[in-house]
Amino acid sequence: MTDRTTPLDATDLPDAVKRYLKAHNEHDVSTASTALAPDATVVDDGNTYEGIPAIERWLDRATSEFTYTTAFLGAEHEGPDRCTVTQRLEGDFPGGTVDLRFRFTLHQGLISHLIIAP
């Protein structure tokens, strides 16, 4: 079986992914939402959020519920419209440290689907 992933540097990520991650890490909901397609979906903690208004409510809650820092651990390009970014979060949430994979699917340069999971 051929490995179909290509390692990426943080600077090589698609613009929408870079914009989303930077805004999410800075707790900037309005800028994060500019990286999303109008019909985007996000799956996090077993919940699915559909459309920008629902995603903005989730982002607002997710970025204000706990205090945390993030560190970029790596990324992989998995096709012309897909990439996965791994970040380490450390903060005052249960467990204190977690490595999360952000699996992005893009459509016309915007994030159309995002799955966040350990």
PDB file of N, CA and C in Angstrom:
ATOM      1  N   MET A   1       0.843  -1.179   0.000  1.00  0.00           N
ATOM      2  CA  MET A   1       0.000   0.000   0.000  1.00  0.00           C
ATOM      3  C   MET A   1       0.887   1.241   0.000  1.00  0.00           C
ATOM      4  N   THR A   2       0.548   2.206  -0.797  1.00  0.00           N
ATOM      5  CA  THR A   2       1.317   3.432  -0.912  1.00  0.00           C
ATOM      6  C   THR A   2       0.848   4.452   0.113  1.00  0.00           C
ATOM      7  N   ASP A   3       1.795   5.097   0.780  1.00  0.00           N
ATOM      8  CA  ASP A   3       1.466   6.171   1.715  1.00  0.00           C
ATOM      9  C   ASP A   3       1.043   7.385   0.900  1.00  0.00           C
ATOM     10  N   ARG A   4      -0.171   7.865   1.118  1.00  0.00           N
ATOM     11  CA  ARG A   4      -0.696   8.982   0.330  1.00  0.00           C
ATOM     12  C   ARG A   4      -0.685  10.290   1.103  1.00  0.00           C
ATOM     13  N   THR A   5       0.102  10.372   2.134  1.00  0.00           N
ATOM     14  CA  THR A   5       0.189  11.616   2.893  1.00  0.00           C
ATOM     15  C   THR A   5       1.556  12.246   2.663  1.00  0.00           C
ATOM     16  N   THR A   6       1.573  13.555   2.754  1.00  0.00           N
ATOM     17  CA  THR A   6       2.806  14.314   2.620  1.00  0.00           C
ATOM     18  C   THR A   6       2.938  15.210   3.839  1.00  0.00           C
ATOM     19  N   PRO A   7       4.052  15.117   4.568  1.00  0.00           N
ATOM     20  CA  PRO A   7       4.224  16.006   5.718  1.00  0.00           C
ATOM     21  C   PRO A   7       4.228  17.470   5.276  1.00  0.00           C
ATOM     22  N   LEU A   8       3.653  18.314   6.123  1.00  0.00           N
ATOM     23  CA  LEU A   8       3.584  19.749   5.846  1.00  0.00           C
ATOM     24  C   LEU A   8       4.193  20.533   6.996  1.00  0.00           C
ATOM     25  N   ASP A   9       4.784  21.639   6.649  1.00  0.00           N
ATOM     26  CA  ASP A   9       5.215  22.636   7.617  1.00  0.00           C
ATOM     27  C   ASP A   9       4.012  23.549   7.867  1.00  0.00           C
ATOM     28  N   ALA A  10       3.940  24.204   8.987  1.00  0.00           N
ATOM     29  CA  ALA A  10       2.814  25.094   9.291  1.00  0.00           C
ATOM     30  C   ALA A  10       2.646  26.168   8.220  1.00  0.00           C
ATOM     31  N   THR A  11       3.721  26.605   7.607  1.00  0.00           N
ATOM     32  CA  THR A  11       3.621  27.644   6.582  1.00  0.00           C
ATOM     33  C   THR A  11       3.067  27.110   5.272  1.00  0.00           C
ATOM     34  N   ASP A  12       3.071  25.777   5.081  1.00  0.00           N
ATOM     35  CA  ASP A  12       2.575  25.163   3.851  1.00  0.00           C
ATOM     36  C   ASP A  12       1.079  24.853   3.884  1.00  0.00           C
ATOM     37  N   LEU A  13       0.428  25.098   4.996  1.00  0.00           N
ATOM     38  CA  LEU A  13      -0.995  24.799   5.114  1.00  0.00           C
ATOM     39  C   LEU A  13      -1.814  25.707   4.204  1.00  0.00           C
ATOM     40  N   PRO A  14      -2.977  25.243   3.759  1.00  0.00           N
ATOM     41  CA  PRO A  14      -3.865  26.120   2.984  1.00  0.00           C
ATOM     42  C   PRO A  14      -4.210  27.372   3.793  1.00  0.00           C
ATOM     43  N   ASP A  15      -4.409  28.488   3.096  1.00  0.00           N
ATOM     44  CA  ASP A  15      -4.671  29.762   3.763  1.00  0.00           C
ATOM     45  C   ASP A  15      -5.847  29.694   4.735  1.00  0.00           C
ATOM     46  N   ALA A  16      -6.939  29.051   4.344  1.00  0.00           N
ATOM     47  CA  ALA A  16      -8.114  28.975   5.218  1.00  0.00           C
ATOM     48  C   ALA A  16      -7.790  28.229   6.506  1.00  0.00           C
ATOM     49  N   VAL A  17      -6.982  27.180   6.412  1.00  0.00           N
ATOM     50  CA  VAL A  17      -6.602  26.408   7.601  1.00  0.00           C
ATOM     51  C   VAL A  17      -5.718  27.253   8.511  1.00  0.00           C
ATOM     52  N   LYS A  18      -4.739  27.939   7.928  1.00  0.00           N
ATOM     53  CA  LYS A  18      -3.879  28.813   8.744  1.00  0.00           C
ATOM     54  C   LYS A  18      -4.703  29.897   9.434  1.00  0.00           C
ATOM     55  N   ARG A  19      -5.612  30.517   8.684  1.00  0.00           N
ATOM     56  CA  ARG A  19      -6.443  31.591   9.249  1.00  0.00           C
ATOM     57  C   ARG A  19      -7.328  31.044  10.373  1.00  0.00           C
ATOM     58  N   TYR A  20      -7.949  29.895  10.155  1.00  0.00           N
ATOM     59  CA  TYR A  20      -8.813  29.299  11.172  1.00  0.00           C
ATOM     60  C   TYR A  20      -8.019  28.969  12.442  1.00  0.00           C
ATOM     61  N   LEU A  21      -6.903  28.270  12.287  1.00  0.00           N
ATOM     62  CA  LEU A  21      -6.130  27.861  13.469  1.00  0.00           C
ATOM     63  C   LEU A  21      -5.606  29.060  14.246  1.00  0.00           C
ATOM     64  N   LYS A  22      -5.086  30.058  13.540  1.00  0.00           N
ATOM     65  CA  LYS A  22      -4.576  31.256  14.223  1.00  0.00           C
ATOM     66  C   LYS A  22      -5.706  31.934  15.001  1.00  0.00           C
ATOM     67  N   ALA A  23      -6.854  32.096  14.358  1.00  0.00           N
ATOM     68  CA  ALA A  23      -7.990  32.747  15.021  1.00  0.00           C
ATOM     69  C   ALA A  23      -8.509  31.910  16.183  1.00  0.00           C
ATOM     70  N   HIS A  24      -8.601  30.604  15.989  1.00  0.00           N
ATOM     71  CA  HIS A  24      -9.072  29.724  17.067  1.00  0.00           C
ATOM     72  C   HIS A  24      -8.116  29.821  18.262  1.00  0.00           C
ATOM     73  N   ASN A  25      -6.820  29.774  17.995  1.00  0.00           N
ATOM     74  CA  ASN A  25      -5.833  29.851  19.077  1.00  0.00           C
ATOM     75  C   ASN A  25      -5.868  31.191  19.792  1.00  0.00           C
ATOM     76  N   GLU A  26      -6.291  32.242  19.080  1.00  0.00           N
ATOM     77  CA  GLU A  26      -6.390  33.582  19.672  1.00  0.00           C
ATOM     78  C   GLU A  26      -7.794  33.881  20.196  1.00  0.00           C
ATOM     79  N   HIS A  27      -8.673  32.886  20.166  1.00  0.00           N
ATOM     80  CA  HIS A  27     -10.060  33.032  20.641  1.00  0.00           C
ATOM     81  C   HIS A  27     -10.814  34.105  19.858  1.00  0.00           C
ATOM     82  N   ASP A  28     -10.528  34.209  18.562  1.00  0.00           N
ATOM     83  CA  ASP A  28     -11.141  35.199  17.685  1.00  0.00           C
ATOM     84  C   ASP A  28     -12.180  34.510  16.798  1.00  0.00           C
ATOM     85  N   VAL A  29     -13.398  34.404  17.309  1.00  0.00           N
ATOM     86  CA  VAL A  29     -14.463  33.663  16.642  1.00  0.00           C
ATOM     87  C   VAL A  29     -14.812  34.269  15.288  1.00  0.00           C
ATOM     88  N   SER A  30     -14.913  35.585  15.210  1.00  0.00           N
ATOM     89  CA  SER A  30     -15.338  36.200  13.952  1.00  0.00           C
ATOM     90  C   SER A  30     -14.323  35.965  12.834  1.00  0.00           C
ATOM     91  N   THR A  31     -13.029  36.012  13.135  1.00  0.00           N
ATOM     92  CA  THR A  31     -12.033  35.740  12.107  1.00  0.00           C
ATOM     93  C   THR A  31     -12.003  34.257  11.756  1.00  0.00           C
ATOM     94  N   ALA A  32     -12.140  33.385  12.736  1.00  0.00           N
ATOM     95  CA  ALA A  32     -12.171  31.941  12.461  1.00  0.00           C
ATOM     96  C   ALA A  32     -13.302  31.599  11.504  1.00  0.00           C
ATOM     97  N   SER A  33     -14.449  32.224  11.681  1.00  0.00           N
ATOM     98  CA  SER A  33     -15.598  31.886  10.842  1.00  0.00           C
ATOM     99  C   SER A  33     -15.412  32.343   9.395  1.00  0.00           C
ATOM    100  N   THR A  34     -14.501  33.296   9.131  1.00  0.00           N
ATOM    101  CA  THR A  34     -14.267  33.719   7.749  1.00  0.00           C
ATOM    102  C   THR A  34     -13.566  32.640   6.926  1.00  0.00           C
ATOM    103  N   ALA A  35     -13.009  31.639   7.587  1.00  0.00           N
ATOM    104  CA  ALA A  35     -12.338  30.542   6.895  1.00  0.00           C
ATOM    105  C   ALA A  35     -13.304  29.416   6.534  1.00  0.00           C
ATOM    106  N   LEU A  36     -14.578  29.549   6.934  1.00  0.00           N
ATOM    107  CA  LEU A  36     -15.562  28.483   6.765  1.00  0.00           C
ATOM    108  C   LEU A  36     -16.463  28.698   5.561  1.00  0.00           C
ATOM    109  N   ALA A  37     -16.782  27.608   4.882  1.00  0.00           N
ATOM    110  CA  ALA A  37     -17.804  27.641   3.841  1.00  0.00           C
ATOM    111  C   ALA A  37     -19.158  27.861   4.512  1.00  0.00           C
ATOM    112  N   PRO A  38     -20.126  28.468   3.819  1.00  0.00           N
ATOM    113  CA  PRO A  38     -21.433  28.747   4.429  1.00  0.00           C
ATOM    114  C   PRO A  38     -22.133  27.508   4.996  1.00  0.00           C
ATOM    115  N   ASP A  39     -21.918  26.348   4.382  1.00  0.00           N
ATOM    116  CA  ASP A  39     -22.575  25.120   4.844  1.00  0.00           C
ATOM    117  C   ASP A  39     -21.609  24.192   5.583  1.00  0.00           C
ATOM    118  N   ALA A  40     -20.583  24.760   6.169  1.00  0.00           N
ATOM    119  CA  ALA A  40     -19.557  23.978   6.869  1.00  0.00           C
ATOM    120  C   ALA A  40     -20.152  23.178   8.026  1.00  0.00           C
ATOM    121  N   THR A  41     -19.457  22.083   8.343  1.00  0.00           N
ATOM    122  CA  THR A  41     -19.790  21.294   9.530  1.00  0.00           C
ATOM    123  C   THR A  41     -18.515  21.065  10.339  1.00  0.00           C
ATOM    124  N   VAL A  42     -18.688  21.016  11.664  1.00  0.00           N
ATOM    125  CA  VAL A  42     -17.593  20.704  12.577  1.00  0.00           C
ATOM    126  C   VAL A  42     -18.071  19.590  13.491  1.00  0.00           C
ATOM    127  N   VAL A  43     -17.215  18.594  13.679  1.00  0.00           N
ATOM    128  CA  VAL A  43     -17.494  17.506  14.609  1.00  0.00           C
ATOM    129  C   VAL A  43     -16.447  17.587  15.711  1.00  0.00           C
ATOM    130  N   ASP A  44     -16.920  17.721  16.962  1.00  0.00           N
ATOM    131  CA  ASP A  44     -16.021  17.832  18.112  1.00  0.00           C
ATOM    132  C   ASP A  44     -16.705  17.195  19.310  1.00  0.00           C
ATOM    133  N   ASP A  45     -15.991  16.376  20.058  1.00  0.00           N
ATOM    134  CA  ASP A  45     -16.531  15.716  21.256  1.00  0.00           C
ATOM    135  C   ASP A  45     -17.840  14.986  20.980  1.00  0.00           C
ATOM    136  N   GLY A  46     -17.953  14.379  19.804  1.00  0.00           N
ATOM    137  CA  GLY A  46     -19.146  13.610  19.466  1.00  0.00           C
ATOM    138  C   GLY A  46     -20.339  14.447  19.046  1.00  0.00           C
ATOM    139  N   ASN A  47     -20.186  15.760  18.977  1.00  0.00           N
ATOM    140  CA  ASN A  47     -21.276  16.637  18.553  1.00  0.00           C
ATOM    141  C   ASN A  47     -20.964  17.210  17.181  1.00  0.00           C
ATOM    142  N   THR A  48     -22.009  17.397  16.376  1.00  0.00           N
ATOM    143  CA  THR A  48     -21.863  17.975  15.049  1.00  0.00           C
ATOM    144  C   THR A  48     -22.527  19.342  15.029  1.00  0.00           C
ATOM    145  N   TYR A  49     -21.802  20.315  14.501  1.00  0.00           N
ATOM    146  CA  TYR A  49     -22.291  21.689  14.392  1.00  0.00           C
ATOM    147  C   TYR A  49     -22.360  22.013  12.901  1.00  0.00           C
ATOM    148  N   GLU A  50     -23.542  22.402  12.444  1.00  0.00           N
ATOM    149  CA  GLU A  50     -23.762  22.638  11.019  1.00  0.00           C
ATOM    150  C   GLU A  50     -24.099  24.095  10.753  1.00  0.00           C
ATOM    151  N   GLY A  51     -23.376  24.697   9.802  1.00  0.00           N
ATOM    152  CA  GLY A  51     -23.608  26.085   9.433  1.00  0.00           C
ATOM    153  C   GLY A  51     -22.822  27.040  10.316  1.00  0.00           C
ATOM    154  N   ILE A  52     -22.532  28.199   9.767  1.00  0.00           N
ATOM    155  CA  ILE A  52     -21.688  29.172  10.468  1.00  0.00           C
ATOM    156  C   ILE A  52     -22.277  29.629  11.805  1.00  0.00           C
ATOM    157  N   PRO A  53     -23.581  29.939  11.926  1.00  0.00           N
ATOM    158  CA  PRO A  53     -24.079  30.369  13.242  1.00  0.00           C
ATOM    159  C   PRO A  53     -23.865  29.318  14.341  1.00  0.00           C
ATOM    160  N   ALA A  54     -24.124  28.054  14.041  1.00  0.00           N
ATOM    161  CA  ALA A  54     -23.928  26.994  15.041  1.00  0.00           C
ATOM    162  C   ALA A  54     -22.453  26.820  15.367  1.00  0.00           C
ATOM    163  N   ILE A  55     -21.605  26.910  14.345  1.00  0.00           N
ATOM    164  CA  ILE A  55     -20.159  26.771  14.571  1.00  0.00           C
ATOM    165  C   ILE A  55     -19.633  27.946  15.389  1.00  0.00           C
ATOM    166  N   GLU A  56     -20.117  29.157  15.114  1.00  0.00           N
ATOM    167  CA  GLU A  56     -19.683  30.315  15.909  1.00  0.00           C
ATOM    168  C   GLU A  56     -20.085  30.162  17.369  1.00  0.00           C
ATOM    169  N   ARG A  57     -21.281  29.647  17.647  1.00  0.00           N
ATOM    170  CA  ARG A  57     -21.689  29.420  19.052  1.00  0.00           C
ATOM    171  C   ARG A  57     -20.773  28.396  19.708  1.00  0.00           C
ATOM    172  N   TRP A  58     -20.459  27.319  18.980  1.00  0.00           N
ATOM    173  CA  TRP A  58     -19.557  26.299  19.508  1.00  0.00           C
ATOM    174  C   TRP A  58     -18.169  26.897  19.756  1.00  0.00           C
ATOM    175  N   LEU A  59     -17.646  27.639  18.780  1.00  0.00           N
ATOM    176  CA  LEU A  59     -16.323  28.259  18.938  1.00  0.00           C
ATOM    177  C   LEU A  59     -16.285  29.196  20.136  1.00  0.00           C
ATOM    178  N   ASP A  60     -17.323  29.999  20.280  1.00  0.00           N
ATOM    179  CA  ASP A  60     -17.379  30.938  21.399  1.00  0.00           C
ATOM    180  C   ASP A  60     -17.327  30.193  22.727  1.00  0.00           C
ATOM    181  N   ARG A  61     -18.090  29.123  22.828  1.00  0.00           N
ATOM    182  CA  ARG A  61     -18.097  28.323  24.053  1.00  0.00           C
ATOM    183  C   ARG A  61     -16.756  27.610  24.235  1.00  0.00           C
ATOM    184  N   ALA A  62     -16.245  26.992  23.159  1.00  0.00           N
ATOM    185  CA  ALA A  62     -15.005  26.212  23.239  1.00  0.00           C
ATOM    186  C   ALA A  62     -13.801  27.081  23.596  1.00  0.00           C
ATOM    187  N   THR A  63     -13.780  28.317  23.107  1.00  0.00           N
ATOM    188  CA  THR A  63     -12.621  29.169  23.371  1.00  0.00           C
ATOM    189  C   THR A  63     -12.703  29.903  24.693  1.00  0.00           C
ATOM    190  N   SER A  64     -13.879  29.902  25.326  1.00  0.00           N
ATOM    191  CA  SER A  64     -14.005  30.616  26.594  1.00  0.00           C
ATOM    192  C   SER A  64     -14.186  29.693  27.793  1.00  0.00           C
ATOM    193  N   GLU A  65     -14.466  28.428  27.547  1.00  0.00           N
ATOM    194  CA  GLU A  65     -14.717  27.490  28.639  1.00  0.00           C
ATOM    195  C   GLU A  65     -13.476  27.206  29.477  1.00  0.00           C
ATOM    196  N   PHE A  66     -12.321  27.087  28.808  1.00  0.00           N
ATOM    197  CA  PHE A  66     -11.071  26.780  29.496  1.00  0.00           C
ATOM    198  C   PHE A  66      -9.974  27.717  29.012  1.00  0.00           C
ATOM    199  N   THR A  67      -8.923  27.831  29.822  1.00  0.00           N
ATOM    200  CA  THR A  67      -7.737  28.562  29.421  1.00  0.00           C
ATOM    201  C   THR A  67      -6.719  27.533  28.963  1.00  0.00           C
ATOM    202  N   TYR A  68      -6.144  27.753  27.777  1.00  0.00           N
ATOM    203  CA  TYR A  68      -5.193  26.777  27.258  1.00  0.00           C
ATOM    204  C   TYR A  68      -4.230  27.443  26.281  1.00  0.00           C
ATOM    205  N   THR A  69      -3.120  26.758  26.069  1.00  0.00           N
ATOM    206  CA  THR A  69      -2.168  27.158  25.045  1.00  0.00           C
ATOM    207  C   THR A  69      -2.094  26.028  24.027  1.00  0.00           C
ATOM    208  N   THR A  70      -1.653  26.368  22.826  1.00  0.00           N
ATOM    209  CA  THR A  70      -1.524  25.360  21.779  1.00  0.00           C
ATOM    210  C   THR A  70      -0.109  25.357  21.233  1.00  0.00           C
ATOM    211  N   ALA A  71       0.302  24.188  20.769  1.00  0.00           N
ATOM    212  CA  ALA A  71       1.593  24.046  20.099  1.00  0.00           C
ATOM    213  C   ALA A  71       1.390  23.183  18.861  1.00  0.00           C
ATOM    214  N   PHE A  72       1.859  23.660  17.731  1.00  0.00           N
ATOM    215  CA  PHE A  72       1.790  22.925  16.471  1.00  0.00           C
ATOM    216  C   PHE A  72       2.756  21.748  16.546  1.00  0.00           C
ATOM    217  N   LEU A  73       2.247  20.528  16.325  1.00  0.00           N
ATOM    218  CA  LEU A  73       3.101  19.342  16.354  1.00  0.00           C
ATOM    219  C   LEU A  73       3.418  18.814  14.965  1.00  0.00           C
ATOM    220  N   GLY A  74       2.526  19.065  14.014  1.00  0.00           N
ATOM    221  CA  GLY A  74       2.776  18.581  12.664  1.00  0.00           C
ATOM    222  C   GLY A  74       1.515  18.628  11.827  1.00  0.00           C
ATOM    223  N   ALA A  75       1.691  18.361  10.542  1.00  0.00           N
ATOM    224  CA  ALA A  75       0.555  18.352   9.624  1.00  0.00           C
ATOM    225  C   ALA A  75       0.860  17.444   8.452  1.00  0.00           C
ATOM    226  N   GLU A  76      -0.198  16.940   7.838  1.00  0.00           N
ATOM    227  CA  GLU A  76      -0.070  16.094   6.660  1.00  0.00           C
ATOM    228  C   GLU A  76      -1.082  16.516   5.622  1.00  0.00           C
ATOM    229  N   HIS A  77      -0.647  16.530   4.381  1.00  0.00           N
ATOM    230  CA  HIS A  77      -1.508  16.799   3.231  1.00  0.00           C
ATOM    231  C   HIS A  77      -2.009  15.432   2.759  1.00  0.00           C
ATOM    232  N   GLU A  78      -3.310  15.262   2.664  1.00  0.00           N
ATOM    233  CA  GLU A  78      -3.873  13.946   2.329  1.00  0.00           C
ATOM    234  C   GLU A  78      -4.616  13.960   1.009  1.00  0.00           C
ATOM    235  N   GLY A  79      -4.422  14.973   0.225  1.00  0.00           N
ATOM    236  CA  GLY A  79      -5.090  15.095  -1.053  1.00  0.00           C
ATOM    237  C   GLY A  79      -5.252  16.558  -1.385  1.00  0.00           C
ATOM    238  N   PRO A  80      -5.802  16.865  -2.546  1.00  0.00           N
ATOM    239  CA  PRO A  80      -5.888  18.264  -2.955  1.00  0.00           C
ATOM    240  C   PRO A  80      -6.766  19.123  -2.055  1.00  0.00           C
ATOM    241  N   ASP A  81      -7.679  18.502  -1.324  1.00  0.00           N
ATOM    242  CA  ASP A  81      -8.604  19.279  -0.499  1.00  0.00           C
ATOM    243  C   ASP A  81      -8.663  18.797   0.948  1.00  0.00           C
ATOM    244  N   ARG A  82      -7.666  18.032   1.379  1.00  0.00           N
ATOM    245  CA  ARG A  82      -7.697  17.495   2.740  1.00  0.00           C
ATOM    246  C   ARG A  82      -6.329  17.578   3.412  1.00  0.00           C
ATOM    247  N   CYS A  83      -6.351  17.956   4.698  1.00  0.00           N
ATOM    248  CA  CYS A  83      -5.131  17.929   5.490  1.00  0.00           C
ATOM    249  C   CYS A  83      -5.505  17.728   6.958  1.00  0.00           C
ATOM    250  N   THR A  84      -4.543  17.208   7.695  1.00  0.00           N
ATOM    251  CA  THR A  84      -4.712  17.006   9.128  1.00  0.00           C
ATOM    252  C   THR A  84      -3.599  17.742   9.849  1.00  0.00           C
ATOM    253  N   VAL A  85      -3.993  18.520  10.859  1.00  0.00           N
ATOM    254  CA  VAL A  85      -3.041  19.262  11.686  1.00  0.00           C
ATOM    255  C   VAL A  85      -3.129  18.695  13.101  1.00  0.00           C
ATOM    256  N   THR A  86      -1.989  18.414  13.704  1.00  0.00           N
ATOM    257  CA  THR A  86      -1.951  17.937  15.081  1.00  0.00           C
ATOM    258  C   THR A  86      -1.400  19.052  15.959  1.00  0.00           C
ATOM    259  N   GLN A  87      -2.156  19.358  17.014  1.00  0.00           N
ATOM    260  CA  GLN A  87      -1.750  20.389  17.972  1.00  0.00           C
ATOM    261  C   GLN A  87      -1.829  19.822  19.385  1.00  0.00           C
ATOM    262  N   ARG A  88      -0.932  20.262  20.227  1.00  0.00           N
ATOM    263  CA  ARG A  88      -0.977  19.921  21.653  1.00  0.00           C
ATOM    264  C   ARG A  88      -1.632  21.075  22.392  1.00  0.00           C
ATOM    265  N   LEU A  89      -2.668  20.760  23.146  1.00  0.00           N
ATOM    266  CA  LEU A  89      -3.322  21.749  23.997  1.00  0.00           C
ATOM    267  C   LEU A  89      -2.927  21.455  25.438  1.00  0.00           C
ATOM    268  N   GLU A  90      -2.545  22.494  26.176  1.00  0.00           N
ATOM    269  CA  GLU A  90      -2.245  22.387  27.597  1.00  0.00           C
ATOM    270  C   GLU A  90      -3.021  23.475  28.303  1.00  0.00           C
ATOM    271  N   GLY A  91      -3.751  23.088  29.354  1.00  0.00           N
ATOM    272  CA  GLY A  91      -4.543  24.089  30.044  1.00  0.00           C
ATOM    273  C   GLY A  91      -5.246  23.558  31.264  1.00  0.00           C
ATOM    274  N   ASP A  92      -6.310  24.273  31.650  1.00  0.00           N
ATOM    275  CA  ASP A  92      -7.025  23.945  32.885  1.00  0.00           C
ATOM    276  C   ASP A  92      -8.254  23.068  32.641  1.00  0.00           C
ATOM    277  N   PHE A  93      -8.298  22.353  31.533  1.00  0.00           N
ATOM    278  CA  PHE A  93      -9.377  21.416  31.240  1.00  0.00           C
ATOM    279  C   PHE A  93      -9.043  20.059  31.856  1.00  0.00           C
ATOM    280  N   PRO A  94     -10.024  19.174  32.005  1.00  0.00           N
ATOM    281  CA  PRO A  94      -9.753  17.852  32.589  1.00  0.00           C
ATOM    282  C   PRO A  94      -8.633  17.129  31.827  1.00  0.00           C
ATOM    283  N   GLY A  95      -7.647  16.653  32.552  1.00  0.00           N
ATOM    284  CA  GLY A  95      -6.505  15.979  31.951  1.00  0.00           C
ATOM    285  C   GLY A  95      -5.327  16.900  31.711  1.00  0.00           C
ATOM    286  N   GLY A  96      -5.586  18.183  31.475  1.00  0.00           N
ATOM    287  CA  GLY A  96      -4.534  19.184  31.375  1.00  0.00           C
ATOM    288  C   GLY A  96      -3.739  19.231  30.088  1.00  0.00           C
ATOM    289  N   THR A  97      -3.582  18.103  29.399  1.00  0.00           N
ATOM    290  CA  THR A  97      -2.832  18.053  28.150  1.00  0.00           C
ATOM    291  C   THR A  97      -3.501  17.058  27.209  1.00  0.00           C
ATOM    292  N   VAL A  98      -3.614  17.461  25.940  1.00  0.00           N
ATOM    293  CA  VAL A  98      -4.160  16.546  24.934  1.00  0.00           C
ATOM    294  C   VAL A  98      -3.582  16.915  23.573  1.00  0.00           C
ATOM    295  N   ASP A  99      -3.286  15.902  22.781  1.00  0.00           N
ATOM    296  CA  ASP A  99      -2.899  16.112  21.390  1.00  0.00           C
ATOM    297  C   ASP A  99      -4.150  15.896  20.546  1.00  0.00           C
ATOM    298  N   LEU A 100      -4.542  16.917  19.804  1.00  0.00           N
ATOM    299  CA  LEU A 100      -5.743  16.849  18.980  1.00  0.00           C
ATOM    300  C   LEU A 100      -5.379  16.886  17.511  1.00  0.00           C
ATOM    301  N   ARG A 101      -6.112  16.097  16.740  1.00  0.00           N
ATOM    302  CA  ARG A 101      -5.981  16.117  15.288  1.00  0.00           C
ATOM    303  C   ARG A 101      -7.164  16.890  14.716  1.00  0.00           C
ATOM    304  N   PHE A 102      -6.849  17.889  13.921  1.00  0.00           N
ATOM    305  CA  PHE A 102      -7.848  18.694  13.228  1.00  0.00           C
ATOM    306  C   PHE A 102      -7.849  18.215  11.774  1.00  0.00           C
ATOM    307  N   ARG A 103      -8.891  17.479  11.391  1.00  0.00           N
ATOM    308  CA  ARG A 103      -8.973  16.931  10.029  1.00  0.00           C
ATOM    309  C   ARG A 103      -9.839  17.857   9.175  1.00  0.00           C
ATOM    310  N   PHE A 104      -9.197  18.572   8.272  1.00  0.00           N
ATOM    311  CA  PHE A 104      -9.861  19.581   7.448  1.00  0.00           C
ATOM    312  C   PHE A 104     -10.177  19.039   6.061  1.00  0.00           C
ATOM    313  N   THR A 105     -11.370  19.361   5.575  1.00  0.00           N
ATOM    314  CA  THR A 105     -11.728  19.181   4.175  1.00  0.00           C
ATOM    315  C   THR A 105     -12.100  20.560   3.652  1.00  0.00           C
ATOM    316  N   LEU A 106     -11.535  20.908   2.506  1.00  0.00           N
ATOM    317  CA  LEU A 106     -11.794  22.226   1.923  1.00  0.00           C
ATOM    318  C   LEU A 106     -12.608  22.107   0.638  1.00  0.00           C
ATOM    319  N   HIS A 107     -13.362  23.152   0.372  1.00  0.00           N
ATOM    320  CA  HIS A 107     -14.111  23.269  -0.871  1.00  0.00           C
ATOM    321  C   HIS A 107     -14.002  24.718  -1.335  1.00  0.00           C
ATOM    322  N   GLN A 108     -13.491  24.907  -2.535  1.00  0.00           N
ATOM    323  CA  GLN A 108     -13.297  26.238  -3.103  1.00  0.00           C
ATOM    324  C   GLN A 108     -12.527  27.166  -2.149  1.00  0.00           C
ATOM    325  N   GLY A 109     -11.498  26.609  -1.520  1.00  0.00           N
ATOM    326  CA  GLY A 109     -10.608  27.401  -0.679  1.00  0.00           C
ATOM    327  C   GLY A 109     -11.083  27.672   0.734  1.00  0.00           C
ATOM    328  N   LEU A 110     -12.265  27.161   1.097  1.00  0.00           N
ATOM    329  CA  LEU A 110     -12.784  27.349   2.456  1.00  0.00           C
ATOM    330  C   LEU A 110     -12.978  25.999   3.133  1.00  0.00           C
ATOM    331  N   ILE A 111     -13.008  26.014   4.454  1.00  0.00           N
ATOM    332  CA  ILE A 111     -13.195  24.786   5.222  1.00  0.00           C
ATOM    333  C   ILE A 111     -14.659  24.373   5.127  1.00  0.00           C
ATOM    334  N   SER A 112     -14.887  23.185   4.581  1.00  0.00           N
ATOM    335  CA  SER A 112     -16.260  22.686   4.463  1.00  0.00           C
ATOM    336  C   SER A 112     -16.571  21.656   5.546  1.00  0.00           C
ATOM    337  N   HIS A 113     -15.546  21.002   6.055  1.00  0.00           N
ATOM    338  CA  HIS A 113     -15.762  19.964   7.086  1.00  0.00           C
ATOM    339  C   HIS A 113     -14.522  19.904   7.956  1.00  0.00           C
ATOM    340  N   LEU A 114     -14.731  19.797   9.263  1.00  0.00           N
ATOM    341  CA  LEU A 114     -13.638  19.700  10.220  1.00  0.00           C
ATOM    342  C   LEU A 114     -14.017  18.700  11.287  1.00  0.00           C
ATOM    343  N   ILE A 115     -13.141  17.726  11.500  1.00  0.00           N
ATOM    344  CA  ILE A 115     -13.307  16.759  12.590  1.00  0.00           C
ATOM    345  C   ILE A 115     -12.156  16.973  13.551  1.00  0.00           C
ATOM    346  N   ILE A 116     -12.477  17.158  14.830  1.00  0.00           N
ATOM    347  CA  ILE A 116     -11.456  17.350  15.863  1.00  0.00           C
ATOM    348  C   ILE A 116     -11.528  16.162  16.804  1.00  0.00           C
ATOM    349  N   ALA A 117     -10.411  15.454  16.959  1.00  0.00           N
ATOM    350  CA  ALA A 117     -10.389  14.259  17.814  1.00  0.00           C
ATOM    351  C   ALA A 117      -8.953  13.990  18.270  1.00  0.00           C
ATOM    352  N   PRO A 118      -8.818  13.306  19.404  1.00  0.00           N
ATOM    353  CA  PRO A 118      -7.469  12.908  19.856  1.00  0.00           C
ATOM    354  C   PRO A 118      -6.817  11.946  18.878  1.00  0.00           C
TER     355      PRO A 118
END
